[in-house]
Amino acid sequence: MATAIEALSSKESVLKAIEEYKKLGRDEFLKQHEIKRFKKYTLHYNGEKYDIRGIAARAYSEQHGYPFKGINADSGTEKAIQFLKELGFEIVETPHPFDYLTEGKLYTRKALIELYGGQLQGGIWTPREFPVIFIFTGESGETYGYKDGWTAEGSFSYTGEGQKGDMEFIRGNKSIRDHKKDGKDIFLFEDNKKEKGVRYLGMFECDSWDHIQCLDLENNMRQGITFNLFKVSSLHAVEEDADTDEADTQTETLEQLRKKALQSSKQSGQRQQSDSKKSWFKRSEDVKNTCSSAPMASAKPATSRHRSRKGTASPTSNLTTPNA
């Protein structure tokens, strides 16, 4: 008796699974077979896109007469990708947001969710399958006595999440504060009610954070959090800025600088200096460039947040929504 996904060897079973998928639709198909949707890679067949986990699991049960229980685990998904490729099916990787998103372009939250995951009304998204954080800014924060925006120092002041009581470093706020340590990139979007979408403003890094006084949802004064974000456009663009920091810290080792940066992130108002802009962009580049060497990357390239403001869903976009 076969007991692992390695036993998936019938192309006919995969084609039958695809037909069932088309008939039921993605969501109903995955629900019936108790499969978690996988966004990082999709199966392409005859111009359509299909969920890899769902197709592999259904094909396995079609071939052997009983379900494969480990398909929702990363190891099971890796094996599914490998053997679907061996059966001649095209597997395509979802592009990293840095490569896919175009600065200044309008998208909808719904379309972004289809690609990367997130919530229609949330202000901070932390997609599980991608090392990124999506954050959204808009005008509604003024209702609570504060406003996101550019500062005279060239940073973008971004207010943390939390509707009632003091803001804390949990969930989305913690993700932004710790994004360097966690190896995640921050992508900023601005709500655009007139055009019914969110406009992509670029990739940013959290340089420091501060406590502020602001009103909560019930008009009570409370302690809030603002993050000072700096835009990261390219390694070339930040080299000159980084040179100044290097001249002042040339006698210190990189490890010493990183320790200082991590320590400063725990203290209000202290700047996370170190090799921030230059090394951070380089790290982001390295993450993308080494993806192809990861176990699941042999394929072809291709959490809800309620801030002290109300999020806005956006029904239309010029971003193509995948079918998988």
C-alpha atoms as a PDB file:
ATOM      1  CA  MET A   1       0.000   0.000   0.000  1.00  0.00           C
ATOM      2  CA  ALA A   2       1.306   3.459  -0.906  1.00  0.00           C
ATOM      3  CA  THR A   3       1.641   5.806   2.082  1.00  0.00           C
ATOM      4  CA  ALA A   4       3.370   8.978   0.830  1.00  0.00           C
ATOM      5  CA  ILE A   5       3.020  11.617  -1.857  1.00  0.00           C
ATOM      6  CA  GLU A   6       5.950  10.001  -3.727  1.00  0.00           C
ATOM      7  CA  ALA A   7       3.440   7.427  -4.928  1.00  0.00           C
ATOM      8  CA  LEU A   8       1.623  10.059  -7.020  1.00  0.00           C
ATOM      9  CA  SER A   9       2.547   8.832 -10.482  1.00  0.00           C
ATOM     10  CA  SER A  10      -0.672   8.957 -12.498  1.00  0.00           C
ATOM     11  CA  LYS A  11      -1.049  11.885 -14.876  1.00  0.00           C
ATOM     12  CA  GLU A  12      -4.595  10.724 -15.597  1.00  0.00           C
ATOM     13  CA  SER A  13      -5.476  11.135 -11.910  1.00  0.00           C
ATOM     14  CA  VAL A  14      -4.113  14.679 -11.950  1.00  0.00           C
ATOM     15  CA  LEU A  15      -6.212  15.527 -15.004  1.00  0.00           C
ATOM     16  CA  LYS A  16      -9.321  14.158 -13.294  1.00  0.00           C
ATOM     17  CA  ALA A  17      -8.560  16.328 -10.258  1.00  0.00           C
ATOM     18  CA  ILE A  18      -8.244  19.352 -12.539  1.00  0.00           C
ATOM     19  CA  GLU A  19     -11.643  18.645 -14.098  1.00  0.00           C
ATOM     20  CA  GLU A  20     -13.268  18.412 -10.666  1.00  0.00           C
ATOM     21  CA  TYR A  21     -11.526  21.639  -9.622  1.00  0.00           C
ATOM     22  CA  LYS A  22     -12.924  23.436 -12.684  1.00  0.00           C
ATOM     23  CA  LYS A  23     -16.409  22.126 -12.018  1.00  0.00           C
ATOM     24  CA  LEU A  24     -16.556  23.048  -8.322  1.00  0.00           C
ATOM     25  CA  GLY A  25     -14.426  26.182  -8.349  1.00  0.00           C
ATOM     26  CA  ARG A  26     -11.315  26.720  -6.236  1.00  0.00           C
ATOM     27  CA  ASP A  27     -12.870  27.568  -2.880  1.00  0.00           C
ATOM     28  CA  GLU A  28     -15.483  24.812  -2.870  1.00  0.00           C
ATOM     29  CA  PHE A  29     -12.951  22.264  -4.141  1.00  0.00           C
ATOM     30  CA  LEU A  30     -10.492  23.066  -1.337  1.00  0.00           C
ATOM     31  CA  LYS A  31     -13.266  23.131   1.253  1.00  0.00           C
ATOM     32  CA  GLN A  32     -14.624  19.721   0.280  1.00  0.00           C
ATOM     33  CA  HIS A  33     -11.178  18.131   0.429  1.00  0.00           C
ATOM     34  CA  GLU A  34     -10.061  20.055   3.559  1.00  0.00           C
ATOM     35  CA  ILE A  35      -7.040  21.599   1.861  1.00  0.00           C
ATOM     36  CA  LYS A  36      -5.401  24.886   2.855  1.00  0.00           C
ATOM     37  CA  ARG A  37      -4.831  27.158  -0.122  1.00  0.00           C
ATOM     38  CA  PHE A  38      -1.183  27.547  -1.159  1.00  0.00           C
ATOM     39  CA  LYS A  39      -0.253  30.917  -2.702  1.00  0.00           C
ATOM     40  CA  LYS A  40       3.503  30.737  -3.242  1.00  0.00           C
ATOM     41  CA  TYR A  41       3.258  28.418  -6.263  1.00  0.00           C
ATOM     42  CA  THR A  42       0.464  27.507  -8.684  1.00  0.00           C
ATOM     43  CA  LEU A  43      -0.060  24.780 -11.248  1.00  0.00           C
ATOM     44  CA  HIS A  44      -0.640  26.117 -14.781  1.00  0.00           C
ATOM     45  CA  TYR A  45      -2.532  23.973 -17.274  1.00  0.00           C
ATOM     46  CA  ASN A  46      -4.152  25.021 -20.571  1.00  0.00           C
ATOM     47  CA  GLY A  47      -4.025  28.683 -19.623  1.00  0.00           C
ATOM     48  CA  GLU A  48      -5.660  28.209 -16.208  1.00  0.00           C
ATOM     49  CA  LYS A  49      -4.210  28.247 -12.688  1.00  0.00           C
ATOM     50  CA  TYR A  50      -4.802  25.633  -9.998  1.00  0.00           C
ATOM     51  CA  ASP A  51      -3.925  25.191  -6.345  1.00  0.00           C
ATOM     52  CA  ILE A  52      -1.004  22.769  -6.078  1.00  0.00           C
ATOM     53  CA  ARG A  53      -2.004  21.233  -2.756  1.00  0.00           C
ATOM     54  CA  GLY A  54      -5.588  20.661  -3.785  1.00  0.00           C
ATOM     55  CA  ILE A  55      -4.745  19.070  -7.130  1.00  0.00           C
ATOM     56  CA  ALA A  56      -1.994  16.836  -5.711  1.00  0.00           C
ATOM     57  CA  ALA A  57      -4.120  15.643  -2.783  1.00  0.00           C
ATOM     58  CA  ARG A  58      -7.166  14.891  -4.949  1.00  0.00           C
ATOM     59  CA  ALA A  59      -5.050  13.139  -7.583  1.00  0.00           C
ATOM     60  CA  TYR A  60      -3.478  10.990  -4.873  1.00  0.00           C
ATOM     61  CA  SER A  61      -6.864   9.882  -3.531  1.00  0.00           C
ATOM     62  CA  GLU A  62      -8.062   9.279  -7.103  1.00  0.00           C
ATOM     63  CA  GLN A  63      -5.048   7.052  -7.803  1.00  0.00           C
ATOM     64  CA  HIS A  64      -4.989   5.106  -4.519  1.00  0.00           C
ATOM     65  CA  GLY A  65      -8.514   5.314  -3.118  1.00  0.00           C
ATOM     66  CA  TYR A  66      -7.683   7.100   0.139  1.00  0.00           C
ATOM     67  CA  PRO A  67      -6.559  10.641   1.041  1.00  0.00           C
ATOM     68  CA  PHE A  68      -3.040  11.906   1.578  1.00  0.00           C
ATOM     69  CA  LYS A  69      -2.987  13.459   5.062  1.00  0.00           C
ATOM     70  CA  GLY A  70       0.291  15.365   4.943  1.00  0.00           C
ATOM     71  CA  ILE A  71      -0.322  17.660   1.970  1.00  0.00           C
ATOM     72  CA  ASN A  72      -0.927  20.793   4.106  1.00  0.00           C
ATOM     73  CA  ALA A  73       2.562  20.546   5.623  1.00  0.00           C
ATOM     74  CA  ASP A  74       5.487  22.265   3.907  1.00  0.00           C
ATOM     75  CA  SER A  75       7.265  18.952   3.327  1.00  0.00           C
ATOM     76  CA  GLY A  76       4.184  17.494   1.657  1.00  0.00           C
ATOM     77  CA  THR A  77       3.815  20.555  -0.558  1.00  0.00           C
ATOM     78  CA  GLU A  78       7.475  20.374  -1.623  1.00  0.00           C
ATOM     79  CA  LYS A  79       7.028  16.761  -2.670  1.00  0.00           C
ATOM     80  CA  ALA A  80       3.795  17.560  -4.492  1.00  0.00           C
ATOM     81  CA  ILE A  81       5.597  20.232  -6.532  1.00  0.00           C
ATOM     82  CA  GLN A  82       8.443  17.867  -7.350  1.00  0.00           C
ATOM     83  CA  PHE A  83       6.262  15.049  -8.616  1.00  0.00           C
ATOM     84  CA  LEU A  84       3.777  17.225 -10.471  1.00  0.00           C
ATOM     85  CA  LYS A  85       6.775  18.605 -12.360  1.00  0.00           C
ATOM     86  CA  GLU A  86       7.998  15.082 -13.075  1.00  0.00           C
ATOM     87  CA  LEU A  87       4.581  14.310 -14.531  1.00  0.00           C
ATOM     88  CA  GLY A  88       5.105  17.199 -16.951  1.00  0.00           C
ATOM     89  CA  PHE A  89       2.970  19.919 -15.325  1.00  0.00           C
ATOM     90  CA  GLU A  90       4.086  23.550 -15.229  1.00  0.00           C
ATOM     91  CA  ILE A  91       4.599  24.993 -11.749  1.00  0.00           C
ATOM     92  CA  VAL A  92       4.938  28.794 -11.483  1.00  0.00           C
ATOM     93  CA  GLU A  93       6.185  30.770  -8.505  1.00  0.00           C
ATOM     94  CA  THR A  94       4.266  33.851  -7.352  1.00  0.00           C
ATOM     95  CA  PRO A  95       6.631  36.821  -7.847  1.00  0.00           C
ATOM     96  CA  HIS A  96       8.104  38.620  -4.843  1.00  0.00           C
ATOM     97  CA  PRO A  97       6.217  41.917  -4.282  1.00  0.00           C
ATOM     98  CA  PHE A  98       9.431  43.910  -4.857  1.00  0.00           C
ATOM     99  CA  ASP A  99       9.605  42.498  -8.389  1.00  0.00           C
ATOM    100  CA  TYR A 100       5.874  42.560  -9.064  1.00  0.00           C
ATOM    101  CA  LEU A 101       4.558  45.851  -7.681  1.00  0.00           C
ATOM    102  CA  THR A 102       5.005  49.093  -9.624  1.00  0.00           C
ATOM    103  CA  GLU A 103       5.457  52.279  -7.613  1.00  0.00           C
ATOM    104  CA  GLY A 104       2.572  54.699  -8.129  1.00  0.00           C
ATOM    105  CA  LYS A 105       0.268  52.036  -9.534  1.00  0.00           C
ATOM    106  CA  LEU A 106      -3.240  51.472  -8.179  1.00  0.00           C
ATOM    107  CA  TYR A 107      -4.249  48.024  -6.875  1.00  0.00           C
ATOM    108  CA  THR A 108      -7.172  46.612  -4.936  1.00  0.00           C
ATOM    109  CA  ARG A 109      -6.876  44.840  -1.618  1.00  0.00           C
ATOM    110  CA  LYS A 110      -8.874  41.964  -3.052  1.00  0.00           C
ATOM    111  CA  ALA A 111      -6.357  41.421  -5.835  1.00  0.00           C
ATOM    112  CA  LEU A 112      -3.417  41.665  -3.409  1.00  0.00           C
ATOM    113  CA  ILE A 113      -5.084  39.098  -1.162  1.00  0.00           C
ATOM    114  CA  GLU A 114      -5.399  36.719  -4.090  1.00  0.00           C
ATOM    115  CA  LEU A 115      -1.647  36.880  -4.649  1.00  0.00           C
ATOM    116  CA  TYR A 116      -0.221  37.176  -1.154  1.00  0.00           C
ATOM    117  CA  GLY A 117      -2.934  36.897   1.494  1.00  0.00           C
ATOM    118  CA  GLY A 118      -4.347  39.505   3.877  1.00  0.00           C
ATOM    119  CA  GLN A 119      -7.638  41.051   4.982  1.00  0.00           C
ATOM    120  CA  LEU A 120      -9.939  43.475   3.166  1.00  0.00           C
ATOM    121  CA  GLN A 121     -10.239  45.866   6.134  1.00  0.00           C
ATOM    122  CA  GLY A 122      -6.904  45.353   7.883  1.00  0.00           C
ATOM    123  CA  GLY A 123      -4.204  48.015   8.011  1.00  0.00           C
ATOM    124  CA  ILE A 124      -1.214  45.670   8.501  1.00  0.00           C
ATOM    125  CA  TRP A 125      -0.945  42.396   6.625  1.00  0.00           C
ATOM    126  CA  THR A 126       1.620  39.709   7.405  1.00  0.00           C
ATOM    127  CA  PRO A 127       1.270  37.055   4.660  1.00  0.00           C
ATOM    128  CA  ARG A 128       2.270  33.652   6.038  1.00  0.00           C
ATOM    129  CA  GLU A 129       3.975  32.363   2.898  1.00  0.00           C
ATOM    130  CA  PHE A 130       5.993  35.489   2.065  1.00  0.00           C
ATOM    131  CA  PRO A 131       8.646  37.401   4.096  1.00  0.00           C
ATOM    132  CA  VAL A 132       6.804  40.707   3.708  1.00  0.00           C
ATOM    133  CA  ILE A 133       4.578  43.139   5.609  1.00  0.00           C
ATOM    134  CA  PHE A 134       1.939  45.181   3.763  1.00  0.00           C
ATOM    135  CA  ILE A 135       0.884  48.386   5.535  1.00  0.00           C
ATOM    136  CA  PHE A 136      -1.867  50.811   4.509  1.00  0.00           C
ATOM    137  CA  THR A 137      -2.266  54.517   5.226  1.00  0.00           C
ATOM    138  CA  GLY A 138      -5.171  56.911   4.625  1.00  0.00           C
ATOM    139  CA  GLU A 139      -6.952  60.107   5.647  1.00  0.00           C
ATOM    140  CA  SER A 140      -9.360  58.633   8.212  1.00  0.00           C
ATOM    141  CA  GLY A 141      -6.744  58.748  11.000  1.00  0.00           C
ATOM    142  CA  GLU A 142      -7.315  62.491  11.351  1.00  0.00           C
ATOM    143  CA  THR A 143     -10.596  61.626  13.080  1.00  0.00           C
ATOM    144  CA  TYR A 144      -8.511  60.423  16.017  1.00  0.00           C
ATOM    145  CA  GLY A 145      -6.152  63.389  16.172  1.00  0.00           C
ATOM    146  CA  TYR A 146      -3.181  62.155  14.152  1.00  0.00           C
ATOM    147  CA  LYS A 147      -2.078  61.907  10.559  1.00  0.00           C
ATOM    148  CA  ASP A 148       0.411  59.733   8.714  1.00  0.00           C
ATOM    149  CA  GLY A 149       2.728  61.499   6.306  1.00  0.00           C
ATOM    150  CA  TRP A 150       6.186  62.631   5.281  1.00  0.00           C
ATOM    151  CA  THR A 151       8.385  64.460   7.794  1.00  0.00           C
ATOM    152  CA  ALA A 152      10.970  67.214   7.259  1.00  0.00           C
ATOM    153  CA  GLU A 153      13.683  64.594   7.828  1.00  0.00           C
ATOM    154  CA  GLY A 154      12.473  62.578   4.846  1.00  0.00           C
ATOM    155  CA  SER A 155      10.881  59.733   6.786  1.00  0.00           C
ATOM    156  CA  PHE A 156       7.267  58.598   6.612  1.00  0.00           C
ATOM    157  CA  SER A 157       5.518  58.803   9.990  1.00  0.00           C
ATOM    158  CA  TYR A 158       3.188  55.819  10.309  1.00  0.00           C
ATOM    159  CA  THR A 159       0.804  55.368  13.246  1.00  0.00           C
ATOM    160  CA  GLY A 160       0.455  51.933  14.815  1.00  0.00           C
ATOM    161  CA  GLU A 161      -2.613  49.761  15.277  1.00  0.00           C
ATOM    162  CA  GLY A 162      -5.109  49.581  18.133  1.00  0.00           C
ATOM    163  CA  GLN A 163      -8.622  51.035  18.445  1.00  0.00           C
ATOM    164  CA  LYS A 164      -9.010  51.254  22.220  1.00  0.00           C
ATOM    165  CA  GLY A 165      -6.568  51.843  25.062  1.00  0.00           C
ATOM    166  CA  ASP A 166      -2.804  52.239  24.771  1.00  0.00           C
ATOM    167  CA  MET A 167      -1.144  50.836  21.664  1.00  0.00           C
ATOM    168  CA  GLU A 168       1.143  47.898  22.362  1.00  0.00           C
ATOM    169  CA  PHE A 169       3.925  46.108  20.518  1.00  0.00           C
ATOM    170  CA  ILE A 170       1.825  43.098  19.599  1.00  0.00           C
ATOM    171  CA  ARG A 171       0.625  41.691  16.272  1.00  0.00           C
ATOM    172  CA  GLY A 172       1.112  44.279  13.503  1.00  0.00           C
ATOM    173  CA  ASN A 173       3.014  46.786  15.641  1.00  0.00           C
ATOM    174  CA  LYS A 174       5.486  44.130  16.714  1.00  0.00           C
ATOM    175  CA  SER A 175       5.900  42.978  13.110  1.00  0.00           C
ATOM    176  CA  ILE A 176       6.885  46.461  11.944  1.00  0.00           C
ATOM    177  CA  ARG A 177       9.244  47.078  14.859  1.00  0.00           C
ATOM    178  CA  ASP A 178      10.989  43.724  14.422  1.00  0.00           C
ATOM    179  CA  HIS A 179      10.923  43.452  10.636  1.00  0.00           C
ATOM    180  CA  LYS A 180      14.720  43.593  10.207  1.00  0.00           C
ATOM    181  CA  LYS A 181      15.333  40.990  12.882  1.00  0.00           C
ATOM    182  CA  ASP A 182      12.632  38.792  11.350  1.00  0.00           C
ATOM    183  CA  GLY A 183      13.959  39.284   7.805  1.00  0.00           C
ATOM    184  CA  LYS A 184      10.797  40.860   6.396  1.00  0.00           C
ATOM    185  CA  ASP A 185      10.317  43.738   3.920  1.00  0.00           C
ATOM    186  CA  ILE A 186       7.733  46.493   4.467  1.00  0.00           C
ATOM    187  CA  PHE A 187       5.570  47.628   1.532  1.00  0.00           C
ATOM    188  CA  LEU A 188       3.503  50.795   1.942  1.00  0.00           C
ATOM    189  CA  PHE A 189       0.157  51.481   0.248  1.00  0.00           C
ATOM    190  CA  GLU A 190      -2.070  54.571   0.398  1.00  0.00           C
ATOM    191  CA  ASP A 191      -5.861  54.293   0.321  1.00  0.00           C
ATOM    192  CA  ASN A 192      -7.383  56.166  -2.596  1.00  0.00           C
ATOM    193  CA  LYS A 193     -11.134  56.451  -2.151  1.00  0.00           C
ATOM    194  CA  LYS A 194     -11.711  58.466  -5.310  1.00  0.00           C
ATOM    195  CA  GLU A 195     -10.071  55.855  -7.520  1.00  0.00           C
ATOM    196  CA  LYS A 196     -11.307  52.946  -5.374  1.00  0.00           C
ATOM    197  CA  GLY A 197      -7.994  51.299  -4.710  1.00  0.00           C
ATOM    198  CA  VAL A 198      -4.681  51.466  -2.867  1.00  0.00           C
ATOM    199  CA  ARG A 199      -1.655  53.109  -4.426  1.00  0.00           C
ATOM    200  CA  TYR A 200       1.730  51.445  -3.957  1.00  0.00           C
ATOM    201  CA  LEU A 201       4.265  53.912  -2.488  1.00  0.00           C
ATOM    202  CA  GLY A 202       7.310  51.650  -2.320  1.00  0.00           C
ATOM    203  CA  MET A 203       9.410  49.472  -0.018  1.00  0.00           C
ATOM    204  CA  PHE A 204      10.348  50.944   3.373  1.00  0.00           C
ATOM    205  CA  GLU A 205      12.360  50.128   6.473  1.00  0.00           C
ATOM    206  CA  CYS A 206      11.554  51.009  10.069  1.00  0.00           C
ATOM    207  CA  ASP A 207      14.321  53.305  11.283  1.00  0.00           C
ATOM    208  CA  SER A 208      12.884  54.148  14.732  1.00  0.00           C
ATOM    209  CA  TRP A 209       9.663  54.525  16.690  1.00  0.00           C
ATOM    210  CA  ASP A 210       8.148  56.931  19.243  1.00  0.00           C
ATOM    211  CA  HIS A 211       5.267  57.140  21.702  1.00  0.00           C
ATOM    212  CA  ILE A 212       2.642  59.832  21.116  1.00  0.00           C
ATOM    213  CA  GLN A 213      -0.573  60.983  22.790  1.00  0.00           C
ATOM    214  CA  CYS A 214      -3.713  60.460  20.700  1.00  0.00           C
ATOM    215  CA  LEU A 215      -7.413  59.675  21.050  1.00  0.00           C
ATOM    216  CA  ASP A 216      -8.812  56.167  20.845  1.00  0.00           C
ATOM    217  CA  LEU A 217     -12.098  55.021  19.319  1.00  0.00           C
ATOM    218  CA  GLU A 218     -14.011  56.182  22.407  1.00  0.00           C
ATOM    219  CA  ASN A 219     -12.339  59.639  22.419  1.00  0.00           C
ATOM    220  CA  ASN A 220     -10.185  58.799  25.427  1.00  0.00           C
ATOM    221  CA  MET A 221      -6.602  60.033  25.457  1.00  0.00           C
ATOM    222  CA  ARG A 222      -4.119  57.179  25.233  1.00  0.00           C
ATOM    223  CA  GLN A 223      -0.501  56.365  24.397  1.00  0.00           C
ATOM    224  CA  GLY A 224       0.020  55.638  20.721  1.00  0.00           C
ATOM    225  CA  ILE A 225       2.967  54.479  18.617  1.00  0.00           C
ATOM    226  CA  THR A 226       4.419  56.093  15.502  1.00  0.00           C
ATOM    227  CA  PHE A 227       7.000  54.420  13.287  1.00  0.00           C
ATOM    228  CA  ASN A 228       9.575  56.412  11.328  1.00  0.00           C
ATOM    229  CA  LEU A 229       9.885  54.669   7.976  1.00  0.00           C
ATOM    230  CA  PHE A 230      12.528  55.376   5.346  1.00  0.00           C
ATOM    231  CA  LYS A 231      12.087  54.471   1.715  1.00  0.00           C
ATOM    232  CA  VAL A 232      14.479  51.924   0.201  1.00  0.00           C
ATOM    233  CA  SER A 233      14.571  52.245  -3.575  1.00  0.00           C
ATOM    234  CA  SER A 234      17.823  50.651  -4.725  1.00  0.00           C
ATOM    235  CA  LEU A 235      21.283  49.773  -3.481  1.00  0.00           C
ATOM    236  CA  HIS A 236      22.766  52.514  -5.653  1.00  0.00           C
ATOM    237  CA  ALA A 237      20.389  55.103  -4.197  1.00  0.00           C
ATOM    238  CA  VAL A 238      21.357  54.389  -0.599  1.00  0.00           C
ATOM    239  CA  GLU A 239      25.122  53.876  -0.961  1.00  0.00           C
ATOM    240  CA  GLU A 240      25.966  57.579  -0.575  1.00  0.00           C
ATOM    241  CA  ASP A 241      23.764  57.885   2.491  1.00  0.00           C
ATOM    242  CA  ALA A 242      25.297  54.770   4.031  1.00  0.00           C
ATOM    243  CA  ASP A 243      28.837  56.068   3.421  1.00  0.00           C
ATOM    244  CA  THR A 244      28.293  58.788   6.040  1.00  0.00           C
ATOM    245  CA  ASP A 245      27.356  56.245   8.672  1.00  0.00           C
ATOM    246  CA  GLU A 246      30.302  54.034   7.718  1.00  0.00           C
ATOM    247  CA  ALA A 247      32.771  56.918   8.166  1.00  0.00           C
ATOM    248  CA  ASP A 248      31.541  57.439  11.735  1.00  0.00           C
ATOM    249  CA  THR A 249      31.540  53.745  12.652  1.00  0.00           C
ATOM    250  CA  GLN A 250      34.417  52.310  10.652  1.00  0.00           C
ATOM    251  CA  THR A 251      36.213  51.071  13.793  1.00  0.00           C
ATOM    252  CA  GLU A 252      33.238  48.908  14.816  1.00  0.00           C
ATOM    253  CA  THR A 253      32.486  45.459  13.504  1.00  0.00           C
ATOM    254  CA  LEU A 254      29.289  44.674  11.656  1.00  0.00           C
ATOM    255  CA  GLU A 255      28.195  42.372  14.470  1.00  0.00           C
ATOM    256  CA  GLN A 256      28.642  45.175  17.022  1.00  0.00           C
ATOM    257  CA  LEU A 257      26.560  47.504  14.878  1.00  0.00           C
ATOM    258  CA  ARG A 258      23.769  44.972  14.499  1.00  0.00           C
ATOM    259  CA  LYS A 259      23.652  44.422  18.260  1.00  0.00           C
ATOM    260  CA  LYS A 260      23.334  48.176  18.743  1.00  0.00           C
ATOM    261  CA  ALA A 261      20.525  48.318  16.186  1.00  0.00           C
ATOM    262  CA  LEU A 262      18.579  45.531  17.898  1.00  0.00           C
ATOM    263  CA  GLN A 263      19.073  47.156  21.298  1.00  0.00           C
ATOM    264  CA  SER A 264      17.876  50.537  20.057  1.00  0.00           C
ATOM    265  CA  SER A 265      14.708  48.964  18.672  1.00  0.00           C
ATOM    266  CA  LYS A 266      13.696  48.132  22.240  1.00  0.00           C
ATOM    267  CA  GLN A 267      13.924  51.733  23.428  1.00  0.00           C
ATOM    268  CA  SER A 268      11.460  54.460  22.491  1.00  0.00           C
ATOM    269  CA  GLY A 269      12.768  57.124  20.171  1.00  0.00           C
ATOM    270  CA  GLN A 270      16.216  55.643  19.646  1.00  0.00           C
ATOM    271  CA  ARG A 271      17.237  55.323  16.039  1.00  0.00           C
ATOM    272  CA  GLN A 272      18.128  51.928  14.610  1.00  0.00           C
ATOM    273  CA  GLN A 273      21.286  53.164  12.919  1.00  0.00           C
ATOM    274  CA  SER A 274      24.001  50.591  12.116  1.00  0.00           C
ATOM    275  CA  ASP A 275      24.362  49.574   8.503  1.00  0.00           C
ATOM    276  CA  SER A 276      20.608  50.040   8.082  1.00  0.00           C
ATOM    277  CA  LYS A 277      19.852  51.304   4.602  1.00  0.00           C
ATOM    278  CA  LYS A 278      22.717  49.767   2.648  1.00  0.00           C
ATOM    279  CA  SER A 279      22.812  46.369   4.318  1.00  0.00           C
ATOM    280  CA  TRP A 280      19.027  46.166   4.548  1.00  0.00           C
ATOM    281  CA  PHE A 281      18.558  46.631   0.819  1.00  0.00           C
ATOM    282  CA  LYS A 282      21.394  44.187   0.165  1.00  0.00           C
ATOM    283  CA  ARG A 283      19.695  41.657   2.436  1.00  0.00           C
ATOM    284  CA  SER A 284      16.416  42.104   0.577  1.00  0.00           C
ATOM    285  CA  GLU A 285      18.211  41.556  -2.721  1.00  0.00           C
ATOM    286  CA  ASP A 286      19.929  38.436  -1.376  1.00  0.00           C
ATOM    287  CA  VAL A 287      16.635  36.988  -0.156  1.00  0.00           C
ATOM    288  CA  LYS A 288      15.133  37.262  -3.625  1.00  0.00           C
ATOM    289  CA  ASN A 289      18.260  36.076  -5.438  1.00  0.00           C
ATOM    290  CA  THR A 290      18.616  32.965  -3.286  1.00  0.00           C
ATOM    291  CA  CYS A 291      14.968  31.921  -3.516  1.00  0.00           C
ATOM    292  CA  SER A 292      15.782  29.739  -6.507  1.00  0.00           C
ATOM    293  CA  SER A 293      18.025  27.551  -4.348  1.00  0.00           C
ATOM    294  CA  ALA A 294      15.308  26.782  -1.784  1.00  0.00           C
ATOM    295  CA  PRO A 295      13.665  23.302  -1.782  1.00  0.00           C
ATOM    296  CA  MET A 296      10.349  24.514  -3.222  1.00  0.00           C
ATOM    297  CA  ALA A 297      11.894  27.001  -5.633  1.00  0.00           C
ATOM    298  CA  SER A 298      12.683  24.658  -8.472  1.00  0.00           C
ATOM    299  CA  ALA A 299       9.479  25.842 -10.097  1.00  0.00           C
ATOM    300  CA  LYS A 300       9.294  28.404 -12.870  1.00  0.00           C
ATOM    301  CA  PRO A 301       9.485  32.027 -11.570  1.00  0.00           C
ATOM    302  CA  ALA A 302       6.792  33.973 -12.932  1.00  0.00           C
ATOM    303  CA  THR A 303      -4.093  39.074   9.518  1.00  0.00           C
ATOM    304  CA  SER A 304      -6.335  41.402  10.177  1.00  0.00           C
ATOM    305  CA  ARG A 305      -5.394  44.846  11.447  1.00  0.00           C
ATOM    306  CA  HIS A 306      -7.842  47.402  12.861  1.00  0.00           C
ATOM    307  CA  ARG A 307      -5.967  50.637  13.310  1.00  0.00           C
ATOM    308  CA  SER A 308      -7.299  53.695  15.115  1.00  0.00           C
ATOM    309  CA  ARG A 309      -8.924  54.454  11.790  1.00  0.00           C
ATOM    310  CA  LYS A 310     -11.265  52.511   9.543  1.00  0.00           C
ATOM    311  CA  GLY A 311      -9.905  50.529   6.612  1.00  0.00           C
ATOM    312  CA  THR A 312     -11.473  50.816   3.167  1.00  0.00           C
ATOM    313  CA  ALA A 313     -12.129  47.954   0.787  1.00  0.00           C
ATOM    314  CA  SER A 314     -11.360  48.603  -2.878  1.00  0.00           C
ATOM    315  CA  PRO A 315     -13.457  46.788  -5.489  1.00  0.00           C
ATOM    316  CA  THR A 316     -11.607  47.581  -8.739  1.00  0.00           C
ATOM    317  CA  SER A 317      -8.003  47.342  -9.920  1.00  0.00           C
ATOM    318  CA  ASN A 318      -5.608  47.068 -12.812  1.00  0.00           C
ATOM    319  CA  LEU A 319      -3.888  44.139 -11.070  1.00  0.00           C
ATOM    320  CA  THR A 320      -4.680  40.808 -12.690  1.00  0.00           C
ATOM    321  CA  THR A 321      -6.374  38.497 -10.185  1.00  0.00           C
ATOM    322  CA  PRO A 322      -5.187  34.859 -10.306  1.00  0.00           C
ATOM    323  CA  ASN A 323      -7.729  32.068 -10.581  1.00  0.00           C
ATOM    324  CA  ALA A 324      -5.825  29.586  -8.432  1.00  0.00           C
END
